[in-house]
Protein backbone atom coordinates (compact mmCIF):
# COMPACT_ATOMS: atom_id res chain seq x y z
CA UNK A 1 -4.52 -11.90 -2.27
CA UNK A 2 -5.98 -9.57 -4.88
CA UNK A 3 -3.75 -6.61 -4.04
CA UNK A 4 -0.51 -8.43 -4.82
CA UNK A 5 -1.90 -9.74 -8.12
CA UNK A 6 -2.95 -6.24 -9.14
CA UNK A 7 0.32 -4.62 -8.09
CA UNK A 8 2.36 -7.25 -9.91
CA UNK A 9 0.43 -6.55 -13.13
CA UNK A 10 1.43 -2.87 -13.19
CA UNK A 11 4.48 -1.67 -15.17
CA UNK A 12 7.82 -2.03 -13.47
CA UNK A 13 10.68 0.44 -13.05
CA UNK A 14 12.05 1.62 -16.37
CA UNK A 15 8.95 0.73 -18.40
CA UNK A 16 6.51 3.14 -20.00
CA UNK A 17 4.54 5.60 -17.91
CA UNK A 18 1.46 4.34 -16.10
CA UNK A 19 -1.85 4.51 -17.91
CA UNK A 20 -4.51 6.82 -16.51
CA UNK A 21 -6.39 3.86 -15.00
CA UNK A 22 -3.16 2.50 -13.47
CA UNK A 23 -2.42 5.92 -11.96
CA UNK A 24 -5.88 5.92 -10.38
CA UNK A 25 -5.38 2.39 -9.07
CA UNK A 26 -2.00 3.26 -7.53
CA UNK A 27 -3.37 6.32 -5.76
CA UNK A 28 -6.55 4.60 -4.55
CA UNK A 29 -4.73 1.45 -3.42
CA UNK A 30 -2.00 3.47 -1.68
CA UNK A 31 -4.52 5.53 0.28
CA UNK A 32 -6.45 2.36 1.16
CA UNK A 33 -3.20 0.72 2.24
CA UNK A 34 -2.34 3.67 4.45
CA UNK A 35 -5.74 3.50 6.15
CA UNK A 36 -5.52 -0.29 6.64
CA UNK A 37 -2.05 -0.02 8.15
CA UNK A 38 -3.06 2.79 10.50
CA UNK A 39 -6.16 0.92 11.67
CA UNK A 40 -4.20 -2.31 12.16
CA UNK A 41 -1.52 -0.46 14.14
CA UNK A 42 -4.20 1.15 16.32
CA UNK A 43 -5.86 -2.22 16.92
CA UNK A 44 -2.55 -3.83 17.76
CA UNK A 45 -1.65 -1.11 20.25
CA UNK A 46 -5.00 -0.65 21.96
CA UNK A 47 -7.07 -3.82 21.80
CA UNK A 48 -7.34 -5.85 24.99
CA UNK A 49 -8.22 -8.90 22.86
CA UNK A 50 -5.21 -11.06 21.92
CA UNK A 51 -6.92 -12.42 18.80
CA UNK A 52 -7.56 -8.89 17.54
CA UNK A 53 -3.91 -7.96 18.14
CA UNK A 54 -2.75 -11.11 16.32
CA UNK A 55 -5.02 -10.37 13.36
CA UNK A 56 -3.78 -6.78 13.25
CA UNK A 57 -0.17 -8.03 13.19
CA UNK A 58 -1.05 -10.38 10.32
CA UNK A 59 -2.64 -7.53 8.38
CA UNK A 60 0.47 -5.42 8.83
CA UNK A 61 2.74 -8.28 7.77
CA UNK A 62 0.57 -9.16 4.76
CA UNK A 63 0.01 -5.61 3.51
CA UNK A 64 3.49 -4.12 3.99
CA UNK A 65 5.10 -5.65 0.85
CA UNK A 66 2.21 -4.52 -1.38
CA UNK A 67 2.26 -1.05 0.10
CA UNK A 68 6.00 -0.80 -0.49
CA UNK A 69 5.48 -1.73 -4.16
CA UNK A 70 2.78 0.92 -4.46
CA UNK A 71 5.13 3.55 -2.99
CA UNK A 72 7.76 2.65 -5.60
CA UNK A 73 5.21 2.99 -8.39
CA UNK A 74 3.79 6.23 -7.00
CA UNK A 75 7.24 7.80 -6.71
CA UNK A 76 8.32 7.11 -10.30
CA UNK A 77 9.37 10.28 -12.14
CA UNK A 78 6.50 10.25 -14.68
CA UNK A 79 3.77 9.25 -12.23
CA UNK A 80 1.32 12.06 -11.35
CA UNK A 81 0.94 10.56 -7.85
CA UNK A 82 4.63 11.34 -7.17
CA UNK A 83 4.91 13.06 -3.81
CA UNK A 84 1.36 12.15 -2.78
CA UNK A 85 2.28 8.84 -1.16
CA UNK A 86 4.86 8.57 1.59
CA UNK A 87 6.71 5.36 2.46
CA UNK A 88 6.74 6.49 6.09
CA UNK A 89 2.94 6.57 6.05
CA UNK A 90 2.81 2.98 4.82
CA UNK A 91 4.77 1.28 7.45
């Protein structure tokens, strides 16, 4: 999946600060991840269609690890997105 490839390419803990474009990616991807998780949770809880609920569960399972990586990046001390992304909101 593209998200995991992009997240893996970003600097890891202890490396230099994120570039401006990486900061933008982290914030945009984190907000997109939050929205996807919330919509999948809503679909899983409210859809009468079993296939929709199964797909929503798969989305949650597939996106959670990427979202957790984004939270770690966003909460790094030198990252301007620090405090803007909450792990609780991602899962």
